[in-house]
Amino acid sequence: MTVDATRRSDREKGITGLETAIILIAFVVVASVFAFTVLSTGVFSAERSKDTVYAGLSEARSSLSIRGSVVAFSGNVVAVQTPYKFSFVVSSAVGSSDPIDLTPPYTKDDLVTDPDVVSGAAYTTTLNYSDKNNFLSDIPWTVQFIGNSNSDTLLDNDEKAEITGWILDRNTATAIGSNDSVAYMDGTGGGGGAGGLAASSTLLAISDTFTVEVKPAGGAVLAIERTLPAALKNVMDLN
């Protein structure tokens, strides 16, 4: 062997089995960490998607749906014909075993003045009213279950309830067609409580548009928008 060949042989190095194992283990560890990260991200995303779906289902099950027409009732306030309450029938939007609490803050008895406040009522569903001149939050409302009912104030999936929202007191001692058959709900008219239009408020008139929002404790808000006809009557079907 020549001297050059010997020197070249001394400079040549090989990869041992231990080094190969270390490199292989490093690749395996890196791949495992990457796979764990990907799987964790996927599981987290799947869980979030599941939560979103369940939340949507829960909201839908707790939502209300209107059944039929909205009926407006009007009377005379200082010789001006104007609506004082609105009634509509609701049911659960999606059949579900989850009931909707419709415990009302007011009742009506057709004696002297309606509605009548229920002292200390623990109600969770609220009604808002708005038109081009007024916004009223948490207006007085009453409820009457119709058809199949189990005698409580929880709306089950096989029940229907008629909700009446009041924006003025009704003086039941005066005929609806007579003057001053409706008292303002600012308390001066001996009404059942606050929350409706005040004496300084602008009353609803012909062709006015109004919105009533029903807000249950859980679920979507039921927004009802209607327009009054060109001529007001004591009872009006607003479709």
Protein backbone atom coordinates (compact mmCIF):
# COMPACT_ATOMS: atom_id res chain seq x y z
CA MET A 1 0.00 0.00 0.00
CA THR A 2 1.29 3.42 -0.82
CA VAL A 3 1.53 6.30 1.67
CA ASP A 4 -1.27 8.26 -0.08
CA ALA A 5 -3.64 5.31 0.17
CA THR A 6 -2.90 4.92 3.89
CA ARG A 7 -3.64 8.58 4.61
CA ARG A 8 -6.86 8.44 2.63
CA SER A 9 -7.95 5.37 4.59
CA ASP A 10 -7.29 7.15 7.90
CA ARG A 11 -9.51 10.09 6.87
CA GLU A 12 -12.52 7.91 5.95
CA LYS A 13 -15.10 7.45 8.78
CA GLY A 14 -18.29 5.39 8.87
CA ILE A 15 -21.64 5.69 10.73
CA THR A 16 -21.91 3.30 13.60
CA GLY A 17 -25.05 1.46 14.62
CA LEU A 18 -25.44 3.61 17.74
CA GLU A 19 -25.48 6.81 15.73
CA THR A 20 -28.05 5.34 13.39
CA ALA A 21 -30.25 4.41 16.33
CA ILE A 22 -29.99 7.91 17.80
CA ILE A 23 -31.03 9.52 14.52
CA LEU A 24 -33.93 7.08 14.14
CA ILE A 25 -35.12 7.74 17.67
CA ALA A 26 -34.94 11.50 17.06
CA PHE A 27 -37.12 11.13 13.96
CA VAL A 28 -39.61 8.98 15.88
CA VAL A 29 -39.79 11.46 18.78
CA VAL A 30 -40.32 14.44 16.46
CA ALA A 31 -42.96 12.55 14.49
CA SER A 32 -44.73 11.51 17.70
CA VAL A 33 -44.82 15.07 19.02
CA PHE A 34 -46.13 16.35 15.68
CA ALA A 35 -48.77 13.62 15.52
CA PHE A 36 -49.86 14.33 19.11
CA THR A 37 -50.17 18.04 18.31
CA VAL A 38 -52.24 17.35 15.20
CA LEU A 39 -54.49 14.90 17.04
CA SER A 40 -54.94 17.25 19.99
CA THR A 41 -55.87 20.10 17.65
CA GLY A 42 -58.30 17.86 15.81
CA VAL A 43 -59.94 16.63 19.02
CA PHE A 44 -60.20 20.20 20.34
CA SER A 45 -61.78 21.38 17.08
CA ALA A 46 -64.21 18.46 17.11
CA GLU A 47 -65.19 19.22 20.70
CA ARG A 48 -65.75 22.89 19.88
CA SER A 49 -67.85 21.93 16.87
CA LYS A 50 -69.89 19.56 19.01
CA ASP A 51 -70.43 22.27 21.63
CA THR A 52 -71.55 24.68 18.92
CA VAL A 53 -74.02 22.16 17.50
CA TYR A 54 -75.40 21.34 20.96
CA ALA A 55 -75.70 25.05 21.79
CA GLY A 56 -77.60 25.62 18.55
CA LEU A 57 -79.94 22.73 19.26
CA SER A 58 -80.50 23.94 22.80
CA GLU A 59 -81.33 27.44 21.54
CA ALA A 60 -83.70 26.09 18.90
CA ARG A 61 -85.44 23.90 21.44
CA SER A 62 -85.94 26.87 23.74
CA SER A 63 -87.22 29.20 21.01
CA LEU A 64 -90.79 30.28 20.46
CA SER A 65 -92.76 30.28 17.25
CA ILE A 66 -95.89 32.32 16.58
CA ARG A 67 -99.02 30.38 15.65
CA GLY A 68 -101.62 32.32 13.72
CA SER A 69 -102.34 36.04 13.65
CA VAL A 70 -101.52 38.99 15.85
CA VAL A 71 -104.66 40.66 17.19
CA ALA A 72 -104.64 44.31 18.26
CA PHE A 73 -107.23 45.77 20.64
CA SER A 74 -107.87 49.51 20.64
CA GLY A 75 -109.89 51.98 22.67
CA ASN A 76 -110.27 55.75 23.13
CA VAL A 77 -107.71 57.87 24.94
CA VAL A 78 -108.91 61.48 25.19
CA ALA A 79 -111.00 60.94 22.06
CA VAL A 80 -108.12 59.32 20.15
CA GLN A 81 -108.51 55.73 18.98
CA THR A 82 -105.31 53.79 19.72
CA PRO A 83 -104.25 50.18 20.47
CA TYR A 84 -103.70 49.31 24.12
CA LYS A 85 -102.72 45.62 23.86
CA PHE A 86 -101.66 42.92 21.40
CA SER A 87 -102.33 39.19 21.61
CA PHE A 88 -100.71 36.26 19.78
CA VAL A 89 -100.39 32.52 20.24
CA VAL A 90 -96.99 30.87 20.60
CA SER A 91 -95.65 27.34 20.85
CA SER A 92 -92.25 25.72 21.01
CA ALA A 93 -90.46 26.17 17.67
CA VAL A 94 -88.95 22.67 17.75
CA GLY A 95 -90.51 19.70 19.51
CA SER A 96 -88.50 19.19 22.67
CA SER A 97 -88.77 18.04 26.24
CA ASP A 98 -87.23 21.35 27.35
CA PRO A 99 -90.05 23.59 28.64
CA ILE A 100 -90.09 27.38 28.25
CA ASP A 101 -90.93 29.38 31.35
CA LEU A 102 -93.90 31.65 30.66
CA THR A 103 -94.58 32.74 34.21
CA PRO A 104 -96.25 36.17 33.71
CA PRO A 105 -95.56 39.31 35.76
CA TYR A 106 -99.20 40.44 35.36
CA THR A 107 -102.70 38.97 35.25
CA LYS A 108 -106.08 40.29 34.15
CA ASP A 109 -109.47 39.88 35.79
CA ASP A 110 -111.63 42.37 33.84
CA LEU A 111 -112.30 44.26 37.09
CA VAL A 112 -111.66 48.02 37.28
CA THR A 113 -108.23 48.16 35.57
CA ASP A 114 -106.17 45.61 33.69
CA PRO A 115 -103.49 44.36 33.77
CA ASP A 116 -102.89 43.62 37.46
CA VAL A 117 -99.33 43.31 38.69
CA VAL A 118 -98.35 40.02 40.37
CA SER A 119 -96.36 41.09 43.42
CA GLY A 120 -93.00 39.34 43.63
CA ALA A 121 -93.52 37.33 40.44
CA ALA A 122 -90.32 35.48 39.48
CA TYR A 123 -90.60 35.76 35.71
CA THR A 124 -87.79 35.15 33.22
CA THR A 125 -89.49 35.89 29.89
CA THR A 126 -89.72 39.57 28.99
CA LEU A 127 -91.41 41.59 26.25
CA ASN A 128 -90.03 44.72 24.56
CA TYR A 129 -92.08 47.12 22.47
CA SER A 130 -90.92 49.68 19.92
CA ASP A 131 -92.31 51.93 17.20
CA LYS A 132 -91.00 55.02 15.42
CA ASN A 133 -91.59 57.17 18.50
CA ASN A 134 -91.24 54.85 21.49
CA PHE A 135 -89.14 52.07 22.97
CA LEU A 136 -90.43 50.21 26.02
CA SER A 137 -88.43 47.45 27.70
CA ASP A 138 -90.06 44.81 29.90
CA ILE A 139 -93.66 45.83 29.21
CA PRO A 140 -96.49 44.22 31.21
CA TRP A 141 -97.75 40.97 29.75
CA THR A 142 -100.19 38.22 30.63
CA VAL A 143 -100.59 34.66 29.43
CA GLN A 144 -103.39 32.15 28.95
CA PHE A 145 -102.74 28.55 27.93
CA ILE A 146 -105.15 27.25 25.32
CA GLY A 147 -105.96 23.71 24.27
CA ASN A 148 -103.87 20.98 25.84
CA SER A 149 -102.39 22.21 29.14
CA ASN A 150 -101.04 20.67 32.36
CA SER A 151 -102.03 23.69 34.48
CA ASP A 152 -98.54 25.11 35.04
CA THR A 153 -96.82 28.11 33.41
CA LEU A 154 -94.19 26.07 31.57
CA LEU A 155 -94.74 25.80 27.82
CA ASP A 156 -94.20 22.17 26.83
CA ASN A 157 -93.77 20.93 23.27
CA ASP A 158 -97.44 19.93 23.01
CA GLU A 159 -98.86 23.16 24.41
CA LYS A 160 -99.87 26.58 23.07
CA ALA A 161 -100.11 29.83 24.99
CA GLU A 162 -101.74 33.15 24.20
CA ILE A 163 -99.47 36.03 25.23
CA THR A 164 -100.91 39.50 25.61
CA GLY A 165 -98.57 42.49 25.72
CA TRP A 166 -99.96 45.68 27.24
CA ILE A 167 -98.79 49.18 26.32
CA LEU A 168 -101.69 50.95 28.06
CA ASP A 169 -103.93 50.16 31.01
CA ARG A 170 -107.50 49.19 30.25
CA ASN A 171 -110.25 50.74 32.33
CA THR A 172 -112.70 47.86 32.34
CA ALA A 173 -115.39 49.94 34.03
CA THR A 174 -115.79 51.97 30.84
CA ALA A 175 -117.09 50.58 27.55
CA ILE A 176 -114.39 50.21 24.92
CA GLY A 177 -116.21 52.52 22.51
CA SER A 178 -116.54 55.26 25.11
CA ASN A 179 -114.03 58.03 25.68
CA ASP A 180 -111.18 57.48 28.16
CA SER A 181 -111.65 53.70 28.11
CA VAL A 182 -107.88 53.37 28.36
CA ALA A 183 -105.68 54.91 31.06
CA TYR A 184 -102.01 55.71 30.56
CA MET A 185 -99.60 53.34 32.25
CA ASP A 186 -97.57 55.98 34.05
CA GLY A 187 -99.49 55.31 37.26
CA THR A 188 -101.71 58.38 37.18
CA GLY A 189 -104.61 56.43 35.76
CA GLY A 190 -104.71 53.92 38.61
CA GLY A 191 -103.19 51.20 36.47
CA GLY A 192 -101.63 47.96 37.52
CA GLY A 193 -98.04 49.03 37.07
CA ALA A 194 -95.34 50.76 35.06
CA GLY A 195 -93.73 49.74 31.80
CA GLY A 196 -96.20 51.03 29.25
CA LEU A 197 -96.69 54.34 27.47
CA ALA A 198 -96.63 57.49 29.60
CA ALA A 199 -98.82 60.56 29.29
CA SER A 200 -96.08 62.30 27.34
CA SER A 201 -95.67 59.41 24.88
CA THR A 202 -96.82 59.48 21.27
CA LEU A 203 -99.70 57.05 20.81
CA LEU A 204 -99.96 54.59 17.94
CA ALA A 205 -101.99 55.87 15.00
CA ILE A 206 -103.24 54.54 11.66
CA SER A 207 -100.66 52.88 9.40
CA ASP A 208 -98.00 52.92 12.13
CA THR A 209 -95.58 49.99 12.33
CA PHE A 210 -94.61 48.48 15.68
CA THR A 211 -92.46 45.59 16.90
CA VAL A 212 -92.91 43.31 19.89
CA GLU A 213 -89.95 41.18 21.00
CA VAL A 214 -90.47 38.12 23.18
CA LYS A 215 -87.27 37.21 25.05
CA PRO A 216 -87.35 33.86 26.86
CA ALA A 217 -84.67 32.98 29.40
CA GLY A 218 -82.91 30.83 26.82
CA GLY A 219 -83.15 30.59 23.07
CA ALA A 220 -83.68 33.04 20.27
CA VAL A 221 -85.71 36.23 20.49
CA LEU A 222 -89.12 36.12 18.79
CA ALA A 223 -89.56 39.44 16.95
CA ILE A 224 -93.06 40.29 15.73
CA GLU A 225 -93.49 43.29 13.42
CA ARG A 226 -96.90 44.46 12.27
CA THR A 227 -98.48 47.54 10.66
CA LEU A 228 -101.81 49.00 11.72
CA PRO A 229 -104.53 49.37 9.07
CA ALA A 230 -105.70 52.67 7.59
CA ALA A 231 -108.77 52.61 9.84
CA LEU A 232 -108.65 51.46 13.48
CA LYS A 233 -111.30 49.19 14.98
CA ASN A 234 -111.84 47.88 18.49
CA VAL A 235 -110.43 44.48 17.43
CA MET A 236 -108.06 44.13 14.47
CA ASP A 237 -106.51 41.01 12.93
CA LEU A 238 -103.05 42.08 11.76
CA ASN A 239 -102.22 38.70 10.15
